[in-house]
C-alpha atoms as a PDB file:
ATOM      1  CA  UNK A   1     100.052 -93.381 147.610  1.00  0.00           C
ATOM      2  CA  UNK A   2      99.584 -93.107 143.762  1.00  0.00           C
ATOM      3  CA  UNK A   3     102.881 -91.312 143.296  1.00  0.00           C
ATOM      4  CA  UNK A   4     104.536 -94.215 145.044  1.00  0.00           C
ATOM      5  CA  UNK A   5     102.834 -96.936 143.230  1.00  0.00           C
ATOM      6  CA  UNK A   6     103.926 -95.152 139.851  1.00  0.00           C
ATOM      7  CA  UNK A   7     107.288 -95.079 141.042  1.00  0.00           C
ATOM      8  CA  UNK A   8     107.294 -98.719 141.719  1.00  0.00           C
ATOM      9  CA  UNK A   9     105.569 -99.431 138.342  1.00  0.00           C
ATOM     10  CA  UNK A  10     108.267 -97.595 136.569  1.00  0.00           C
ATOM     11  CA  UNK A  11     111.019 -99.221 138.359  1.00  0.00           C
ATOM     12  CA  UNK A  12     109.506-102.833 137.293  1.00  0.00           C
ATOM     13  CA  UNK A  13     109.504-101.669 133.749  1.00  0.00           C
ATOM     14  CA  UNK A  14     112.942-100.196 133.911  1.00  0.00           C
ATOM     15  CA  UNK A  15     114.200-103.523 135.673  1.00  0.00           C
ATOM     16  CA  UNK A  16     112.519-105.775 133.270  1.00  0.00           C
ATOM     17  CA  UNK A  17     113.856-104.137 130.132  1.00  0.00           C
ATOM     18  CA  UNK A  18     117.421-103.670 131.572  1.00  0.00           C
ATOM     19  CA  UNK A  19     117.674-107.440 132.177  1.00  0.00           C
ATOM     20  CA  UNK A  20     117.931-108.899 128.832  1.00  0.00           C
ATOM     21  CA  UNK A  21     121.544-110.301 129.150  1.00  0.00           C
ATOM     22  CA  UNK A  22     122.739-113.175 127.028  1.00  0.00           C
ATOM     23  CA  UNK A  23     122.260-116.572 128.996  1.00  0.00           C
ATOM     24  CA  UNK A  24     124.624-119.458 129.123  1.00  0.00           C
ATOM     25  CA  UNK A  25     123.592-121.906 126.100  1.00  0.00           C
ATOM     26  CA  UNK A  26     121.717-125.172 126.962  1.00  0.00           C
ATOM     27  CA  UNK A  27     118.900-127.467 126.286  1.00  0.00           C
ATOM     28  CA  UNK A  28     116.252-128.920 128.399  1.00  0.00           C
ATOM     29  CA  UNK A  29     116.408-132.703 127.960  1.00  0.00           C
ATOM     30  CA  UNK A  30     114.173-133.911 130.736  1.00  0.00           C
ATOM     31  CA  UNK A  31     111.902-132.104 133.092  1.00  0.00           C
ATOM     32  CA  UNK A  32     109.711-133.357 136.208  1.00  0.00           C
ATOM     33  CA  UNK A  33     107.668-131.485 138.680  1.00  0.00           C
ATOM     34  CA  UNK A  34     110.852-130.581 140.759  1.00  0.00           C
ATOM     35  CA  UNK A  35     113.806-130.206 138.311  1.00  0.00           C
ATOM     36  CA  UNK A  36     115.070-130.174 135.006  1.00  0.00           C
ATOM     37  CA  UNK A  37     117.837-131.683 133.267  1.00  0.00           C
ATOM     38  CA  UNK A  38     119.869-129.213 131.110  1.00  0.00           C
ATOM     39  CA  UNK A  39     122.772-130.120 128.451  1.00  0.00           C
ATOM     40  CA  UNK A  40     125.126-127.438 128.585  1.00  0.00           C
ATOM     41  CA  UNK A  41     127.571-126.375 125.807  1.00  0.00           C
ATOM     42  CA  UNK A  42     131.355-125.470 126.483  1.00  0.00           C
ATOM     43  CA  UNK A  43     131.571-121.782 127.633  1.00  0.00           C
ATOM     44  CA  UNK A  44     133.827-119.491 128.801  1.00  0.00           C
ATOM     45  CA  UNK A  45     134.121-117.812 132.009  1.00  0.00           C
ATOM     46  CA  UNK A  46     136.047-115.602 134.359  1.00  0.00           C
ATOM     47  CA  UNK A  47     136.460-116.669 138.215  1.00  0.00           C
ATOM     48  CA  UNK A  48     137.901-115.409 141.305  1.00  0.00           C
ATOM     49  CA  UNK A  49     137.957-116.466 144.811  1.00  0.00           C
ATOM     50  CA  UNK A  50     135.383-115.274 147.207  1.00  0.00           C
ATOM     51  CA  UNK A  51     137.319-113.780 150.277  1.00  0.00           C
ATOM     52  CA  UNK A  52     137.219-111.388 153.018  1.00  0.00           C
ATOM     53  CA  UNK A  53     140.071-109.365 151.638  1.00  0.00           C
ATOM     54  CA  UNK A  54     138.057-107.741 148.608  1.00  0.00           C
ATOM     55  CA  UNK A  55     134.610-107.826 146.549  1.00  0.00           C
ATOM     56  CA  UNK A  56     134.692-110.909 144.287  1.00  0.00           C
ATOM     57  CA  UNK A  57     131.683-109.396 142.155  1.00  0.00           C
ATOM     58  CA  UNK A  58     133.586-106.252 141.911  1.00  0.00           C
ATOM     59  CA  UNK A  59     136.615-107.873 140.489  1.00  0.00           C
ATOM     60  CA  UNK A  60     134.773-109.858 137.939  1.00  0.00           C
ATOM     61  CA  UNK A  61     132.719-106.745 137.015  1.00  0.00           C
ATOM     62  CA  UNK A  62     135.975-104.294 136.731  1.00  0.00           C
ATOM     63  CA  UNK A  63     137.182-107.090 134.097  1.00  0.00           C
ATOM     64  CA  UNK A  64     134.190-106.783 132.090  1.00  0.00           C
ATOM     65  CA  UNK A  65     134.258-103.008 132.265  1.00  0.00           C
ATOM     66  CA  UNK A  66     137.502-102.861 130.715  1.00  0.00           C
ATOM     67  CA  UNK A  67     139.943-103.677 133.456  1.00  0.00           C
ATOM     68  CA  UNK A  68     141.515-106.409 131.092  1.00  0.00           C
ATOM     69  CA  UNK A  69     144.688-106.202 128.566  1.00  0.00           C
ATOM     70  CA  UNK A  70     142.497-104.677 125.946  1.00  0.00           C
ATOM     71  CA  UNK A  71     140.677-102.423 128.043  1.00  0.00           C
ATOM     72  CA  UNK A  72     137.401-104.002 126.361  1.00  0.00           C
ATOM     73  CA  UNK A  73     133.815-103.363 127.657  1.00  0.00           C
ATOM     74  CA  UNK A  74     132.324-106.941 127.683  1.00  0.00           C
ATOM     75  CA  UNK A  75     128.523-107.418 128.080  1.00  0.00           C
ATOM     76  CA  UNK A  76     127.131-108.773 131.388  1.00  0.00           C
ATOM     77  CA  UNK A  77     125.643-112.164 130.870  1.00  0.00           C
ATOM     78  CA  UNK A  78     123.643-114.469 133.157  1.00  0.00           C
ATOM     79  CA  UNK A  79     123.853-116.450 135.379  1.00  0.00           C
ATOM     80  CA  UNK A  80     126.543-115.209 137.822  1.00  0.00           C
ATOM     81  CA  UNK A  81     127.425-118.598 139.832  1.00  0.00           C
ATOM     82  CA  UNK A  82     129.012-119.596 143.116  1.00  0.00           C
ATOM     83  CA  UNK A  83     130.611-122.854 144.137  1.00  0.00           C
ATOM     84  CA  UNK A  84     133.157-124.424 146.139  1.00  0.00           C
ATOM     85  CA  UNK A  85     136.668-125.609 144.572  1.00  0.00           C
ATOM     86  CA  UNK A  86     139.507-127.023 146.535  1.00  0.00           C
ATOM     87  CA  UNK A  87     137.928-125.831 149.704  1.00  0.00           C
ATOM     88  CA  UNK A  88     137.550-122.058 148.552  1.00  0.00           C
ATOM     89  CA  UNK A  89     134.284-120.862 147.421  1.00  0.00           C
ATOM     90  CA  UNK A  90     134.633-118.970 143.870  1.00  0.00           C
ATOM     91  CA  UNK A  91     132.363-116.905 141.945  1.00  0.00           C
ATOM     92  CA  UNK A  92     132.046-117.142 138.092  1.00  0.00           C
ATOM     93  CA  UNK A  93     130.588-114.681 135.383  1.00  0.00           C
ATOM     94  CA  UNK A  94     130.303-116.418 132.055  1.00  0.00           C
ATOM     95  CA  UNK A  95     131.409-114.727 129.019  1.00  0.00           C
ATOM     96  CA  UNK A  96     129.386-113.764 125.658  1.00  0.00           C
ATOM     97  CA  UNK A  97     129.410-116.448 123.235  1.00  0.00           C
ATOM     98  CA  UNK A  98     131.286-114.172 120.783  1.00  0.00           C
ATOM     99  CA  UNK A  99     134.287-114.931 122.654  1.00  0.00           C
ATOM    100  CA  UNK A 100     136.841-118.007 122.071  1.00  0.00           C
ATOM    101  CA  UNK A 101     140.179-118.812 123.637  1.00  0.00           C
ATOM    102  CA  UNK A 102     141.867-116.580 120.796  1.00  0.00           C
ATOM    103  CA  UNK A 103     139.919-113.229 121.241  1.00  0.00           C
ATOM    104  CA  UNK A 104     139.251-112.990 124.890  1.00  0.00           C
ATOM    105  CA  UNK A 105     141.027-110.411 126.809  1.00  0.00           C
ATOM    106  CA  UNK A 106     143.507-111.231 129.614  1.00  0.00           C
ATOM    107  CA  UNK A 107     142.521-110.208 133.069  1.00  0.00           C
ATOM    108  CA  UNK A 108     144.722-106.982 134.563  1.00  0.00           C
ATOM    109  CA  UNK A 109     143.859-108.160 137.924  1.00  0.00           C
ATOM    110  CA  UNK A 110     145.719-111.511 138.777  1.00  0.00           C
ATOM    111  CA  UNK A 111     142.773-112.721 141.192  1.00  0.00           C
ATOM    112  CA  UNK A 112     140.670-113.103 137.897  1.00  0.00           C
ATOM    113  CA  UNK A 113     141.086-116.224 136.056  1.00  0.00           C
ATOM    114  CA  UNK A 114     139.662-117.279 132.626  1.00  0.00           C
ATOM    115  CA  UNK A 115     138.393-120.667 132.512  1.00  0.00           C
ATOM    116  CA  UNK A 116     136.776-123.177 130.059  1.00  0.00           C
ATOM    117  CA  UNK A 117     133.879-125.051 131.327  1.00  0.00           C
ATOM    118  CA  UNK A 118     133.374-128.220 129.815  1.00  0.00           C
ATOM    119  CA  UNK A 119     129.710-128.749 128.731  1.00  0.00           C
ATOM    120  CA  UNK A 120     127.685-131.360 130.291  1.00  0.00           C
ATOM    121  CA  UNK A 121     124.335-132.420 132.081  1.00  0.00           C
ATOM    122  CA  UNK A 122     123.086-130.473 134.919  1.00  0.00           C
ATOM    123  CA  UNK A 123     120.229-130.934 137.307  1.00  0.00           C
ATOM    124  CA  UNK A 124     118.487-127.676 138.045  1.00  0.00           C
ATOM    125  CA  UNK A 125     115.742-126.489 140.419  1.00  0.00           C
ATOM    126  CA  UNK A 126     114.414-122.736 140.173  1.00  0.00           C
ATOM    127  CA  UNK A 127     113.328-120.653 143.129  1.00  0.00           C
ATOM    128  CA  UNK A 128     112.256-117.204 143.610  1.00  0.00           C
ATOM    129  CA  UNK A 129     113.207-114.938 146.677  1.00  0.00           C
ATOM    130  CA  UNK A 130     116.465-113.663 147.944  1.00  0.00           C
ATOM    131  CA  UNK A 131     119.534-115.117 146.766  1.00  0.00           C
ATOM    132  CA  UNK A 132     120.649-115.743 150.284  1.00  0.00           C
ATOM    133  CA  UNK A 133     122.511-118.825 151.760  1.00  0.00           C
ATOM    134  CA  UNK A 134     119.483-119.940 153.654  1.00  0.00           C
ATOM    135  CA  UNK A 135     117.367-119.994 150.761  1.00  0.00           C
ATOM    136  CA  UNK A 136     119.825-121.696 148.546  1.00  0.00           C
ATOM    137  CA  UNK A 137     120.613-124.329 151.015  1.00  0.00           C
ATOM    138  CA  UNK A 138     117.074-125.357 151.186  1.00  0.00           C
ATOM    139  CA  UNK A 139     116.662-125.785 147.637  1.00  0.00           C
ATOM    140  CA  UNK A 140     119.969-127.493 146.913  1.00  0.00           C
ATOM    141  CA  UNK A 141     118.786-130.027 149.581  1.00  0.00           C
ATOM    142  CA  UNK A 142     115.537-130.564 147.846  1.00  0.00           C
ATOM    143  CA  UNK A 143     117.404-131.032 144.487  1.00  0.00           C
ATOM    144  CA  UNK A 144     119.919-133.326 145.754  1.00  0.00           C
ATOM    145  CA  UNK A 145     117.548-135.387 147.785  1.00  0.00           C
ATOM    146  CA  UNK A 146     115.301-135.629 144.401  1.00  0.00           C
ATOM    147  CA  UNK A 147     118.316-136.873 142.488  1.00  0.00           C
ATOM    148  CA  UNK A 148     119.074-139.515 145.163  1.00  0.00           C
ATOM    149  CA  UNK A 149     115.681-140.653 144.865  1.00  0.00           C
ATOM    150  CA  UNK A 150     115.952-140.965 141.185  1.00  0.00           C
ATOM    151  CA  UNK A 151     119.444-142.716 141.428  1.00  0.00           C
ATOM    152  CA  UNK A 152     121.206-139.703 139.649  1.00  0.00           C
ATOM    153  CA  UNK A 153     125.093-139.683 140.338  1.00  0.00           C
ATOM    154  CA  UNK A 154     126.208-136.150 141.132  1.00  0.00           C
ATOM    155  CA  UNK A 155     129.557-135.016 139.806  1.00  0.00           C
ATOM    156  CA  UNK A 156     129.953-131.664 141.340  1.00  0.00           C
ATOM    157  CA  UNK A 157     129.563-129.482 144.830  1.00  0.00           C
ATOM    158  CA  UNK A 158     126.411-127.528 144.672  1.00  0.00           C
ATOM    159  CA  UNK A 159     126.286-124.466 142.255  1.00  0.00           C
ATOM    160  CA  UNK A 160     124.468-121.367 143.042  1.00  0.00           C
ATOM    161  CA  UNK A 161     123.171-119.402 140.186  1.00  0.00           C
ATOM    162  CA  UNK A 162     121.580-115.922 140.361  1.00  0.00           C
ATOM    163  CA  UNK A 163     120.301-114.042 137.306  1.00  0.00           C
ATOM    164  CA  UNK A 164     118.877-110.700 138.646  1.00  0.00           C
ATOM    165  CA  UNK A 165     120.257-107.401 139.949  1.00  0.00           C
ATOM    166  CA  UNK A 166     119.921-106.591 143.754  1.00  0.00           C
ATOM    167  CA  UNK A 167     116.850-104.065 143.066  1.00  0.00           C
ATOM    168  CA  UNK A 168     114.830-106.874 141.451  1.00  0.00           C
ATOM    169  CA  UNK A 169     111.885-107.521 143.851  1.00  0.00           C
ATOM    170  CA  UNK A 170     112.471-110.971 145.665  1.00  0.00           C
ATOM    171  CA  UNK A 171     109.340-112.552 144.135  1.00  0.00           C
ATOM    172  CA  UNK A 172     110.604-111.635 140.634  1.00  0.00           C
ATOM    173  CA  UNK A 173     114.038-112.879 140.928  1.00  0.00           C
ATOM    174  CA  UNK A 174     115.190-116.173 139.392  1.00  0.00           C
ATOM    175  CA  UNK A 175     117.619-118.451 141.320  1.00  0.00           C
ATOM    176  CA  UNK A 176     118.938-121.579 140.811  1.00  0.00           C
ATOM    177  CA  UNK A 177     120.483-124.702 142.753  1.00  0.00           C
ATOM    178  CA  UNK A 178     122.303-127.002 140.481  1.00  0.00           C
ATOM    179  CA  UNK A 179     124.395-129.975 140.416  1.00  0.00           C
ATOM    180  CA  UNK A 180     126.670-131.394 137.254  1.00  0.00           C
ATOM    181  CA  UNK A 181     125.259-135.163 137.038  1.00  0.00           C
ATOM    182  CA  UNK A 182     126.341-138.259 135.287  1.00  0.00           C
ATOM    183  CA  UNK A 183     124.027-139.380 132.558  1.00  0.00           C
ATOM    184  CA  UNK A 184     125.299-143.169 132.285  1.00  0.00           C
ATOM    185  CA  UNK A 185     122.997-143.837 129.414  1.00  0.00           C
ATOM    186  CA  UNK A 186     121.477-141.308 127.497  1.00  0.00           C
ATOM    187  CA  UNK A 187     118.822-143.453 126.799  1.00  0.00           C
ATOM    188  CA  UNK A 188     117.660-142.933 130.505  1.00  0.00           C
ATOM    189  CA  UNK A 189     116.914-139.211 129.928  1.00  0.00           C
END
């Protein structure tokens, strides 16, 4: 039992030390007991459709591992996001802030696209546990209901954001459900 606890403790230390990834830049502009509103800056991302034909995460991971026109390895960032676009589910990795349109390597895989995500305001609810669809739908619904109560205008489909690897204990995981929202009058926030 003592050996098992030592292994668990060691893996927690390794996991917490290895998870210091660059995070998409934002500022919290309002917070209540259920959600917060963040203002995100423009950011570059890579994206691929989620399909049964291949591993979407693997396609994006291969790009940052050097499967690009410059054979350049790119550091992982957080979060990894998923959302519906034009009837298809997509997955995105944000790129480190050192990249811009001029210095970003092009993908070698035609299934991977580079996109510029315009900055804006996002309502976000944070939760722990597994990044399952069931857990996401539960928290997305809570957020959506709160936004409706607060007369917020939702501009995007729900976005699922995950921050931790699969070996992070569920109680230590950071997951988020988010919506882009319209801030009619910045004085409202």
